[in-house]
PDB file of N, CA and C in Angstrom:
ATOM      1  N   UNK A   1     125.041 150.681 122.451  1.00  0.00           N
ATOM      2  CA  UNK A   1     123.850 150.457 122.234  1.00  0.00           C
ATOM      3  C   UNK A   1     123.319 150.270 120.910  1.00  0.00           C
ATOM      4  N   UNK A   2     124.057 150.697 119.930  1.00  0.00           N
ATOM      5  CA  UNK A   2     123.727 150.361 118.521  1.00  0.00           C
ATOM      6  C   UNK A   2     123.907 148.978 118.102  1.00  0.00           C
ATOM      7  N   UNK A   3     124.944 148.391 118.715  1.00  0.00           N
ATOM      8  CA  UNK A   3     124.998 146.939 118.376  1.00  0.00           C
ATOM      9  C   UNK A   3     123.867 146.152 118.846  1.00  0.00           C
ATOM     10  N   UNK A   4     123.471 146.407 119.955  1.00  0.00           N
ATOM     11  CA  UNK A   4     122.446 145.710 120.577  1.00  0.00           C
ATOM     12  C   UNK A   4     121.062 145.902 119.614  1.00  0.00           C
ATOM     13  N   UNK A   5     120.843 147.132 119.254  1.00  0.00           N
ATOM     14  CA  UNK A   5     119.620 147.614 118.525  1.00  0.00           C
ATOM     15  C   UNK A   5     119.900 146.785 117.150  1.00  0.00           C
ATOM     16  N   UNK A   6     120.969 146.961 116.510  1.00  0.00           N
ATOM     17  CA  UNK A   6     121.228 146.183 115.268  1.00  0.00           C
ATOM     18  C   UNK A   6     120.777 144.765 115.303  1.00  0.00           C
ATOM     19  N   UNK A   7     121.453 144.111 116.432  1.00  0.00           N
ATOM     20  CA  UNK A   7     121.329 142.674 116.476  1.00  0.00           C
ATOM     21  C   UNK A   7     119.711 142.389 116.647  1.00  0.00           C
ATOM     22  N   UNK A   8     119.008 143.294 117.346  1.00  0.00           N
ATOM     23  CA  UNK A   8     117.737 143.017 117.589  1.00  0.00           C
ATOM     24  C   UNK A   8     116.828 143.057 116.325  1.00  0.00           C
ATOM     25  N   UNK A   9     117.227 144.148 115.476  1.00  0.00           N
ATOM     26  CA  UNK A   9     116.642 144.324 114.214  1.00  0.00           C
ATOM     27  C   UNK A   9     116.846 143.054 113.265  1.00  0.00           C
ATOM     28  N   UNK A  10     118.028 142.472 113.288  1.00  0.00           N
ATOM     29  CA  UNK A  10     118.515 141.521 112.420  1.00  0.00           C
ATOM     30  C   UNK A  10     117.722 140.154 112.877  1.00  0.00           C
ATOM     31  N   UNK A  11     117.458 139.999 114.245  1.00  0.00           N
ATOM     32  CA  UNK A  11     116.591 138.951 114.743  1.00  0.00           C
ATOM     33  C   UNK A  11     115.172 139.118 114.365  1.00  0.00           C
ATOM     34  N   UNK A  12     114.748 140.373 114.301  1.00  0.00           N
ATOM     35  CA  UNK A  12     113.318 140.557 114.006  1.00  0.00           C
ATOM     36  C   UNK A  12     113.115 140.282 112.630  1.00  0.00           C
ATOM     37  N   UNK A  13     114.037 140.721 111.613  1.00  0.00           N
ATOM     38  CA  UNK A  13     113.996 140.418 110.293  1.00  0.00           C
ATOM     39  C   UNK A  13     113.966 138.994 109.811  1.00  0.00           C
ATOM     40  N   UNK A  14     114.876 138.240 110.448  1.00  0.00           N
ATOM     41  CA  UNK A  14     115.074 136.972 110.191  1.00  0.00           C
ATOM     42  C   UNK A  14     114.526 136.008 111.207  1.00  0.00           C
ATOM     43  N   UNK A  15     113.407 136.110 111.807  1.00  0.00           N
ATOM     44  CA  UNK A  15     112.874 135.392 113.025  1.00  0.00           C
ATOM     45  C   UNK A  15     112.549 133.859 112.416  1.00  0.00           C
ATOM     46  N   UNK A  16     112.152 133.780 111.469  1.00  0.00           N
ATOM     47  CA  UNK A  16     111.693 132.407 110.849  1.00  0.00           C
ATOM     48  C   UNK A  16     112.895 131.703 110.463  1.00  0.00           C
ATOM     49  N   UNK A  17     113.931 132.264 109.950  1.00  0.00           N
ATOM     50  CA  UNK A  17     115.177 131.428 109.700  1.00  0.00           C
ATOM     51  C   UNK A  17     115.824 131.138 110.959  1.00  0.00           C
ATOM     52  N   UNK A  18     115.993 132.094 111.845  1.00  0.00           N
ATOM     53  CA  UNK A  18     116.612 131.739 113.198  1.00  0.00           C
ATOM     54  C   UNK A  18     116.023 130.585 113.767  1.00  0.00           C
ATOM     55  N   UNK A  19     114.633 130.603 113.857  1.00  0.00           N
ATOM     56  CA  UNK A  19     113.804 129.811 114.618  1.00  0.00           C
ATOM     57  C   UNK A  19     114.006 128.273 113.911  1.00  0.00           C
ATOM     58  N   UNK A  20     114.075 128.285 112.632  1.00  0.00           N
ATOM     59  CA  UNK A  20     114.372 126.996 111.928  1.00  0.00           C
ATOM     60  C   UNK A  20     115.754 126.525 112.043  1.00  0.00           C
ATOM     61  N   UNK A  21     116.778 127.309 112.334  1.00  0.00           N
ATOM     62  CA  UNK A  21     117.983 126.879 112.616  1.00  0.00           C
ATOM     63  C   UNK A  21     118.176 126.397 114.037  1.00  0.00           C
ATOM     64  N   UNK A  22     117.436 126.944 114.988  1.00  0.00           N
ATOM     65  CA  UNK A  22     117.439 126.704 116.252  1.00  0.00           C
ATOM     66  C   UNK A  22     116.833 125.183 116.438  1.00  0.00           C
ATOM     67  N   UNK A  23     115.803 124.989 115.923  1.00  0.00           N
ATOM     68  CA  UNK A  23     114.993 123.777 115.989  1.00  0.00           C
ATOM     69  C   UNK A  23     115.812 122.612 115.315  1.00  0.00           C
ATOM     70  N   UNK A  24     116.479 122.986 114.072  1.00  0.00           N
ATOM     71  CA  UNK A  24     117.304 121.985 113.475  1.00  0.00           C
ATOM     72  C   UNK A  24     118.406 121.549 114.465  1.00  0.00           C
ATOM     73  N   UNK A  25     119.118 122.436 115.150  1.00  0.00           N
ATOM     74  CA  UNK A  25     120.048 122.261 116.050  1.00  0.00           C
ATOM     75  C   UNK A  25     119.675 121.408 117.163  1.00  0.00           C
ATOM     76  N   UNK A  26     118.534 121.734 117.738  1.00  0.00           N
ATOM     77  CA  UNK A  26     117.842 120.899 118.849  1.00  0.00           C
ATOM     78  C   UNK A  26     117.707 119.458 118.312  1.00  0.00           C
ATOM     79  N   UNK A  27     117.116 119.285 117.316  1.00  0.00           N
ATOM     80  CA  UNK A  27     116.743 117.950 116.725  1.00  0.00           C
ATOM     81  C   UNK A  27     117.893 117.243 116.255  1.00  0.00           C
ATOM     82  N   UNK A  28     118.976 117.950 115.676  1.00  0.00           N
ATOM     83  CA  UNK A  28     120.027 117.332 115.207  1.00  0.00           C
ATOM     84  C   UNK A  28     121.075 116.884 116.152  1.00  0.00           C
ATOM     85  N   UNK A  29     121.186 117.558 117.297  1.00  0.00           N
ATOM     86  CA  UNK A  29     122.364 117.421 118.138  1.00  0.00           C
ATOM     87  C   UNK A  29     121.963 117.073 119.611  1.00  0.00           C
ATOM     88  N   UNK A  30     120.949 117.936 120.120  1.00  0.00           N
ATOM     89  CA  UNK A  30     120.753 118.108 121.551  1.00  0.00           C
ATOM     90  C   UNK A  30     119.636 117.135 121.969  1.00  0.00           C
ATOM     91  N   UNK A  31     118.555 116.824 121.250  1.00  0.00           N
ATOM     92  CA  UNK A  31     117.484 116.056 121.545  1.00  0.00           C
ATOM     93  C   UNK A  31     117.900 114.544 121.859  1.00  0.00           C
ATOM     94  N   UNK A  32     117.092 113.854 122.461  1.00  0.00           N
ATOM     95  CA  UNK A  32     117.481 112.474 122.868  1.00  0.00           C
ATOM     96  C   UNK A  32     117.291 111.577 121.611  1.00  0.00           C
ATOM     97  N   UNK A  33     116.499 111.950 120.752  1.00  0.00           N
ATOM     98  CA  UNK A  33     116.378 111.158 119.395  1.00  0.00           C
ATOM     99  C   UNK A  33     117.171 111.918 118.340  1.00  0.00           C
ATOM    100  N   UNK A  34     118.024 112.564 118.553  1.00  0.00           N
ATOM    101  CA  UNK A  34     118.834 113.184 117.592  1.00  0.00           C
ATOM    102  C   UNK A  34     119.491 112.258 116.573  1.00  0.00           C
ATOM    103  N   UNK A  35     119.936 112.913 115.635  1.00  0.00           N
ATOM    104  CA  UNK A  35     120.706 112.195 114.533  1.00  0.00           C
ATOM    105  C   UNK A  35     121.875 111.530 115.046  1.00  0.00           C
ATOM    106  N   UNK A  36     122.644 112.072 115.920  1.00  0.00           N
ATOM    107  CA  UNK A  36     123.842 111.444 116.490  1.00  0.00           C
ATOM    108  C   UNK A  36     123.571 110.321 117.334  1.00  0.00           C
ATOM    109  N   UNK A  37     122.282 110.234 118.084  1.00  0.00           N
ATOM    110  CA  UNK A  37     121.975 109.001 118.770  1.00  0.00           C
ATOM    111  C   UNK A  37     121.270 108.018 117.976  1.00  0.00           C
ATOM    112  N   UNK A  38     120.791 108.202 116.860  1.00  0.00           N
ATOM    113  CA  UNK A  38     120.077 107.350 115.948  1.00  0.00           C
ATOM    114  C   UNK A  38     121.122 106.255 115.431  1.00  0.00           C
ATOM    115  N   UNK A  39     122.205 106.774 115.010  1.00  0.00           N
ATOM    116  CA  UNK A  39     123.101 105.818 114.309  1.00  0.00           C
ATOM    117  C   UNK A  39     123.440 104.647 115.090  1.00  0.00           C
ATOM    118  N   UNK A  40     124.024 104.628 116.494  1.00  0.00           N
ATOM    119  CA  UNK A  40     124.458 103.562 117.219  1.00  0.00           C
ATOM    120  C   UNK A  40     123.053 102.676 117.394  1.00  0.00           C
ATOM    121  N   UNK A  41     122.013 103.252 117.490  1.00  0.00           N
ATOM    122  CA  UNK A  41     120.713 102.514 117.701  1.00  0.00           C
ATOM    123  C   UNK A  41     120.555 101.679 116.448  1.00  0.00           C
ATOM    124  N   UNK A  42     120.630 102.335 115.187  1.00  0.00           N
ATOM    125  CA  UNK A  42     120.427 101.598 114.163  1.00  0.00           C
ATOM    126  C   UNK A  42     121.315 100.437 113.844  1.00  0.00           C
ATOM    127  N   UNK A  43     122.537 100.621 114.229  1.00  0.00           N
ATOM    128  CA  UNK A  43     123.573  99.588 114.222  1.00  0.00           C
ATOM    129  C   UNK A  43     123.207  98.226 115.156  1.00  0.00           C
ATOM    130  N   UNK A  44     122.733  98.801 116.314  1.00  0.00           N
ATOM    131  CA  UNK A  44     122.251  97.710 117.418  1.00  0.00           C
ATOM    132  C   UNK A  44     121.144  96.937 116.702  1.00  0.00           C
ATOM    133  N   UNK A  45     120.054  97.760 116.144  1.00  0.00           N
ATOM    134  CA  UNK A  45     118.996  96.926 115.529  1.00  0.00           C
ATOM    135  C   UNK A  45     119.323  95.943 114.489  1.00  0.00           C
ATOM    136  N   UNK A  46     120.373  96.351 113.625  1.00  0.00           N
ATOM    137  CA  UNK A  46     120.759  95.475 112.660  1.00  0.00           C
ATOM    138  C   UNK A  46     121.448  94.243 113.044  1.00  0.00           C
ATOM    139  N   UNK A  47     122.186  94.327 114.232  1.00  0.00           N
ATOM    140  CA  UNK A  47     122.858  93.244 114.821  1.00  0.00           C
ATOM    141  C   UNK A  47     121.932  92.269 115.521  1.00  0.00           C
ATOM    142  N   UNK A  48     120.819  92.957 116.180  1.00  0.00           N
ATOM    143  CA  UNK A  48     119.846  92.086 116.760  1.00  0.00           C
ATOM    144  C   UNK A  48     118.973  91.372 115.739  1.00  0.00           C
ATOM    145  N   UNK A  49     118.855  91.975 114.540  1.00  0.00           N
ATOM    146  CA  UNK A  49     118.123  91.178 113.520  1.00  0.00           C
ATOM    147  C   UNK A  49     118.863  90.167 112.976  1.00  0.00           C
ATOM    148  N   UNK A  50     120.191  90.349 112.707  1.00  0.00           N
ATOM    149  CA  UNK A  50     121.151  89.263 112.255  1.00  0.00           C
ATOM    150  C   UNK A  50     120.971  87.974 113.269  1.00  0.00           C
ATOM    151  N   UNK A  51     121.055  88.446 114.615  1.00  0.00           N
ATOM    152  CA  UNK A  51     121.004  87.354 115.628  1.00  0.00           C
ATOM    153  C   UNK A  51     119.640  86.699 115.646  1.00  0.00           C
ATOM    154  N   UNK A  52     118.576  87.410 115.434  1.00  0.00           N
ATOM    155  CA  UNK A  52     117.234  86.739 115.233  1.00  0.00           C
ATOM    156  C   UNK A  52     117.214  85.712 114.038  1.00  0.00           C
ATOM    157  N   UNK A  53     117.765  86.204 112.890  1.00  0.00           N
ATOM    158  CA  UNK A  53     117.863  85.317 111.774  1.00  0.00           C
ATOM    159  C   UNK A  53     118.748  84.016 112.014  1.00  0.00           C
ATOM    160  N   UNK A  54     119.786  84.135 112.920  1.00  0.00           N
ATOM    161  CA  UNK A  54     120.571  83.044 113.256  1.00  0.00           C
ATOM    162  C   UNK A  54     119.860  82.045 114.150  1.00  0.00           C
ATOM    163  N   UNK A  55     119.168  82.593 115.080  1.00  0.00           N
ATOM    164  CA  UNK A  55     118.224  81.811 115.890  1.00  0.00           C
ATOM    165  C   UNK A  55     117.178  81.153 115.189  1.00  0.00           C
ATOM    166  N   UNK A  56     116.549  81.755 114.170  1.00  0.00           N
ATOM    167  CA  UNK A  56     115.641  81.063 113.352  1.00  0.00           C
ATOM    168  C   UNK A  56     116.089  79.915 112.685  1.00  0.00           C
ATOM    169  N   UNK A  57     117.233  80.191 112.030  1.00  0.00           N
ATOM    170  CA  UNK A  57     117.938  79.010 111.373  1.00  0.00           C
ATOM    171  C   UNK A  57     118.178  77.879 112.296  1.00  0.00           C
ATOM    172  N   UNK A  58     118.850  78.154 113.403  1.00  0.00           N
ATOM    173  CA  UNK A  58     119.109  77.102 114.539  1.00  0.00           C
ATOM    174  C   UNK A  58     117.736  76.331 114.729  1.00  0.00           C
ATOM    175  N   UNK A  59     116.719  77.028 114.974  1.00  0.00           N
ATOM    176  CA  UNK A  59     115.405  76.620 115.294  1.00  0.00           C
ATOM    177  C   UNK A  59     114.929  75.536 114.205  1.00  0.00           C
ATOM    178  N   UNK A  60     114.951  75.979 112.981  1.00  0.00           N
ATOM    179  CA  UNK A  60     114.565  75.265 111.871  1.00  0.00           C
ATOM    180  C   UNK A  60     115.380  74.007 111.748  1.00  0.00           C
ATOM    181  N   UNK A  61     116.794  74.037 112.116  1.00  0.00           N
ATOM    182  CA  UNK A  61     117.571  72.915 111.918  1.00  0.00           C
ATOM    183  C   UNK A  61     117.231  71.866 113.020  1.00  0.00           C
ATOM    184  N   UNK A  62     117.071  72.477 114.241  1.00  0.00           N
ATOM    185  CA  UNK A  62     116.791  71.551 115.341  1.00  0.00           C
ATOM    186  C   UNK A  62     115.391  70.810 115.286  1.00  0.00           C
ATOM    187  N   UNK A  63     114.341  71.702 114.632  1.00  0.00           N
ATOM    188  CA  UNK A  63     113.015  71.177 114.335  1.00  0.00           C
ATOM    189  C   UNK A  63     113.068  69.987 113.332  1.00  0.00           C
ATOM    190  N   UNK A  64     113.837  70.078 112.291  1.00  0.00           N
ATOM    191  CA  UNK A  64     114.011  69.085 111.073  1.00  0.00           C
ATOM    192  C   UNK A  64     114.690  67.859 111.832  1.00  0.00           C
ATOM    193  N   UNK A  65     115.655  68.033 112.712  1.00  0.00           N
ATOM    194  CA  UNK A  65     116.254  66.870 113.431  1.00  0.00           C
ATOM    195  C   UNK A  65     115.150  66.165 114.249  1.00  0.00           C
ATOM    196  N   UNK A  66     114.473  67.003 115.042  1.00  0.00           N
ATOM    197  CA  UNK A  66     113.444  66.294 115.822  1.00  0.00           C
ATOM    198  C   UNK A  66     112.423  65.673 115.056  1.00  0.00           C
ATOM    199  N   UNK A  67     112.005  66.089 113.913  1.00  0.00           N
ATOM    200  CA  UNK A  67     110.915  65.329 113.035  1.00  0.00           C
ATOM    201  C   UNK A  67     111.659  64.109 112.574  1.00  0.00           C
ATOM    202  N   UNK A  68     112.932  64.216 112.069  1.00  0.00           N
ATOM    203  CA  UNK A  68     113.654  63.026 111.698  1.00  0.00           C
ATOM    204  C   UNK A  68     113.589  61.823 112.719  1.00  0.00           C
ATOM    205  N   UNK A  69     113.872  62.394 113.829  1.00  0.00           N
ATOM    206  CA  UNK A  69     113.818  61.467 114.994  1.00  0.00           C
ATOM    207  C   UNK A  69     112.501  60.734 115.368  1.00  0.00           C
ATOM    208  N   UNK A  70     111.592  61.508 115.159  1.00  0.00           N
ATOM    209  CA  UNK A  70     110.121  61.075 115.413  1.00  0.00           C
ATOM    210  C   UNK A  70     109.736  60.002 114.284  1.00  0.00           C
ATOM    211  N   UNK A  71     110.254  60.234 113.059  1.00  0.00           N
ATOM    212  CA  UNK A  71     109.779  59.454 111.984  1.00  0.00           C
ATOM    213  C   UNK A  71     110.640  58.395 111.581  1.00  0.00           C
ATOM    214  N   UNK A  72     111.905  58.404 111.875  1.00  0.00           N
ATOM    215  CA  UNK A  72     112.929  57.439 111.506  1.00  0.00           C
ATOM    216  C   UNK A  72     113.598  56.733 112.597  1.00  0.00           C
ATOM    217  N   UNK A  73     113.199  55.502 112.884  1.00  0.00           N
ATOM    218  CA  UNK A  73     113.900  54.774 113.990  1.00  0.00           C
ATOM    219  C   UNK A  73     115.403  54.509 113.909  1.00  0.00           C
ATOM    220  N   UNK A  74     115.859  54.501 112.667  1.00  0.00           N
ATOM    221  CA  UNK A  74     117.214  54.232 112.373  1.00  0.00           C
ATOM    222  C   UNK A  74     118.172  55.457 112.890  1.00  0.00           C
ATOM    223  N   UNK A  75     117.612  56.641 112.802  1.00  0.00           N
ATOM    224  CA  UNK A  75     118.245  57.914 113.136  1.00  0.00           C
ATOM    225  C   UNK A  75     118.376  57.730 114.645  1.00  0.00           C
ATOM    226  N   UNK A  76     117.363  57.373 115.428  1.00  0.00           N
ATOM    227  CA  UNK A  76     117.239  57.212 116.860  1.00  0.00           C
ATOM    228  C   UNK A  76     118.444  56.165 117.175  1.00  0.00           C
ATOM    229  N   UNK A  77     118.662  55.124 116.601  1.00  0.00           N
ATOM    230  CA  UNK A  77     119.610  54.254 116.721  1.00  0.00           C
ATOM    231  C   UNK A  77     121.040  54.784 116.525  1.00  0.00           C
ATOM    232  N   UNK A  78     121.150  55.508 115.451  1.00  0.00           N
ATOM    233  CA  UNK A  78     122.428  55.988 115.085  1.00  0.00           C
ATOM    234  C   UNK A  78     122.931  57.004 116.189  1.00  0.00           C
ATOM    235  N   UNK A  79     122.040  57.863 116.690  1.00  0.00           N
ATOM    236  CA  UNK A  79     122.367  58.795 117.779  1.00  0.00           C
ATOM    237  C   UNK A  79     122.657  58.074 119.023  1.00  0.00           C
ATOM    238  N   UNK A  80     122.085  57.095 119.257  1.00  0.00           N
ATOM    239  CA  UNK A  80     122.168  56.238 120.500  1.00  0.00           C
ATOM    240  C   UNK A  80     123.598  55.640 120.418  1.00  0.00           C
ATOM    241  N   UNK A  81     123.955  55.106 119.300  1.00  0.00           N
ATOM    242  CA  UNK A  81     125.234  54.448 119.153  1.00  0.00           C
ATOM    243  C   UNK A  81     126.483  55.442 119.047  1.00  0.00           C
ATOM    244  N   UNK A  82     126.227  56.649 118.498  1.00  0.00           N
ATOM    245  CA  UNK A  82     127.344  57.624 118.418  1.00  0.00           C
ATOM    246  C   UNK A  82     127.502  58.373 119.698  1.00  0.00           C
ATOM    247  N   UNK A  83     126.563  58.941 120.219  1.00  0.00           N
ATOM    248  CA  UNK A  83     126.738  59.760 121.561  1.00  0.00           C
ATOM    249  C   UNK A  83     126.777  58.964 122.647  1.00  0.00           C
ATOM    250  N   UNK A  84     126.026  57.992 122.985  1.00  0.00           N
ATOM    251  CA  UNK A  84     125.889  57.342 124.251  1.00  0.00           C
ATOM    252  C   UNK A  84     126.469  55.976 124.210  1.00  0.00           C
ATOM    253  N   UNK A  85     127.098  55.597 123.152  1.00  0.00           N
ATOM    254  CA  UNK A  85     127.957  54.322 123.027  1.00  0.00           C
ATOM    255  C   UNK A  85     127.142  53.063 123.397  1.00  0.00           C
ATOM    256  N   UNK A  86     125.743  53.123 123.125  1.00  0.00           N
ATOM    257  CA  UNK A  86     124.883  51.864 123.208  1.00  0.00           C
ATOM    258  C   UNK A  86     125.151  50.879 122.183  1.00  0.00           C
ATOM    259  N   UNK A  87     124.773  49.610 122.611  1.00  0.00           N
ATOM    260  CA  UNK A  87     125.071  48.624 121.716  1.00  0.00           C
ATOM    261  C   UNK A  87     123.991  47.535 121.772  1.00  0.00           C
ATOM    262  N   UNK A  88     123.857  46.727 120.803  1.00  0.00           N
ATOM    263  CA  UNK A  88     122.907  45.571 120.748  1.00  0.00           C
ATOM    264  C   UNK A  88     123.474  44.430 121.608  1.00  0.00           C
ATOM    265  N   UNK A  89     122.591  43.632 122.020  1.00  0.00           N
ATOM    266  CA  UNK A  89     123.118  42.562 122.918  1.00  0.00           C
ATOM    267  C   UNK A  89     124.260  41.681 122.410  1.00  0.00           C
ATOM    268  N   UNK A  90     124.284  41.427 121.101  1.00  0.00           N
ATOM    269  CA  UNK A  90     125.172  40.529 120.415  1.00  0.00           C
ATOM    270  C   UNK A  90     126.520  41.150 119.987  1.00  0.00           C
ATOM    271  N   UNK A  91     126.692  42.308 120.332  1.00  0.00           N
ATOM    272  CA  UNK A  91     127.881  43.081 119.645  1.00  0.00           C
ATOM    273  C   UNK A  91     128.761  43.748 120.843  1.00  0.00           C
ATOM    274  N   UNK A  92     129.933  44.078 120.395  1.00  0.00           N
ATOM    275  CA  UNK A  92     130.821  44.637 121.214  1.00  0.00           C
ATOM    276  C   UNK A  92     131.203  45.959 120.719  1.00  0.00           C
ATOM    277  N   UNK A  93     131.454  46.933 121.437  1.00  0.00           N
ATOM    278  CA  UNK A  93     131.652  48.449 121.142  1.00  0.00           C
ATOM    279  C   UNK A  93     133.123  48.678 121.760  1.00  0.00           C
ATOM    280  N   UNK A  94     134.003  49.261 120.795  1.00  0.00           N
ATOM    281  CA  UNK A  94     135.329  49.891 121.180  1.00  0.00           C
ATOM    282  C   UNK A  94     135.204  51.405 120.991  1.00  0.00           C
ATOM    283  N   UNK A  95     135.444  52.088 122.021  1.00  0.00           N
ATOM    284  CA  UNK A  95     135.621  53.484 121.937  1.00  0.00           C
ATOM    285  C   UNK A  95     137.021  53.854 122.199  1.00  0.00           C
ATOM    286  N   UNK A  96     137.486  54.639 121.038  1.00  0.00           N
ATOM    287  CA  UNK A  96     138.862  55.188 121.124  1.00  0.00           C
ATOM    288  C   UNK A  96     138.903  56.636 121.443  1.00  0.00           C
ATOM    289  N   UNK A  97     139.747  57.011 122.352  1.00  0.00           N
ATOM    290  CA  UNK A  97     140.118  58.308 122.847  1.00  0.00           C
ATOM    291  C   UNK A  97     141.163  58.840 121.841  1.00  0.00           C
ATOM    292  N   UNK A  98     141.127  60.112 121.445  1.00  0.00           N
ATOM    293  CA  UNK A  98     142.123  60.631 120.651  1.00  0.00           C
ATOM    294  C   UNK A  98     143.560  60.648 121.272  1.00  0.00           C
ATOM    295  N   UNK A  99     143.588  60.869 122.557  1.00  0.00           N
ATOM    296  CA  UNK A  99     144.844  60.897 123.229  1.00  0.00           C
ATOM    297  C   UNK A  99     145.571  59.479 123.249  1.00  0.00           C
ATOM    298  N   UNK A 100     144.696  58.501 123.356  1.00  0.00           N
ATOM    299  CA  UNK A 100     145.382  57.143 123.326  1.00  0.00           C
ATOM    300  C   UNK A 100     145.896  56.854 121.832  1.00  0.00           C
ATOM    301  N   UNK A 101     145.183  57.184 120.888  1.00  0.00           N
ATOM    302  CA  UNK A 101     145.646  56.956 119.525  1.00  0.00           C
ATOM    303  C   UNK A 101     146.960  57.779 119.335  1.00  0.00           C
ATOM    304  N   UNK A 102     147.091  58.975 119.690  1.00  0.00           N
ATOM    305  CA  UNK A 102     148.134  59.738 119.520  1.00  0.00           C
ATOM    306  C   UNK A 102     149.445  58.960 120.280  1.00  0.00           C
ATOM    307  N   UNK A 103     149.257  58.562 121.545  1.00  0.00           N
ATOM    308  CA  UNK A 103     150.265  57.789 122.188  1.00  0.00           C
ATOM    309  C   UNK A 103     150.753  56.616 121.460  1.00  0.00           C
ATOM    310  N   UNK A 104     149.808  55.971 120.786  1.00  0.00           N
ATOM    311  CA  UNK A 104     150.140  54.749 120.084  1.00  0.00           C
ATOM    312  C   UNK A 104     150.994  55.084 118.652  1.00  0.00           C
ATOM    313  N   UNK A 105     150.825  56.135 118.219  1.00  0.00           N
ATOM    314  CA  UNK A 105     151.370  56.540 117.033  1.00  0.00           C
ATOM    315  C   UNK A 105     152.948  56.956 117.471  1.00  0.00           C
ATOM    316  N   UNK A 106     153.228  57.401 118.610  1.00  0.00           N
ATOM    317  CA  UNK A 106     154.594  57.795 118.935  1.00  0.00           C
ATOM    318  C   UNK A 106     155.380  56.577 119.278  1.00  0.00           C
TER     319      UNK A 106
END
């Protein structure tokens, strides 16, 4: 009985310190927003912010290309010739495939 009584007296004397320790334990480890759960979330947020920055850069590059295409007819002609193999009426276009070039080299 004396051990229980001495433990009770210790808890009564140090009730504020025990309360602070229990609350720190709850906030630090047990709670949903604990310090242990915050770190993976913070890492995920940083990854998503980097991804957002990459998408913004891609958007700006695409936007500049679109503006160039709207303002420069030679850029439209260049893309039409390179990607879609279009030609003018009076010229011939030769398209080489990399596999046929490699076969000719052997």
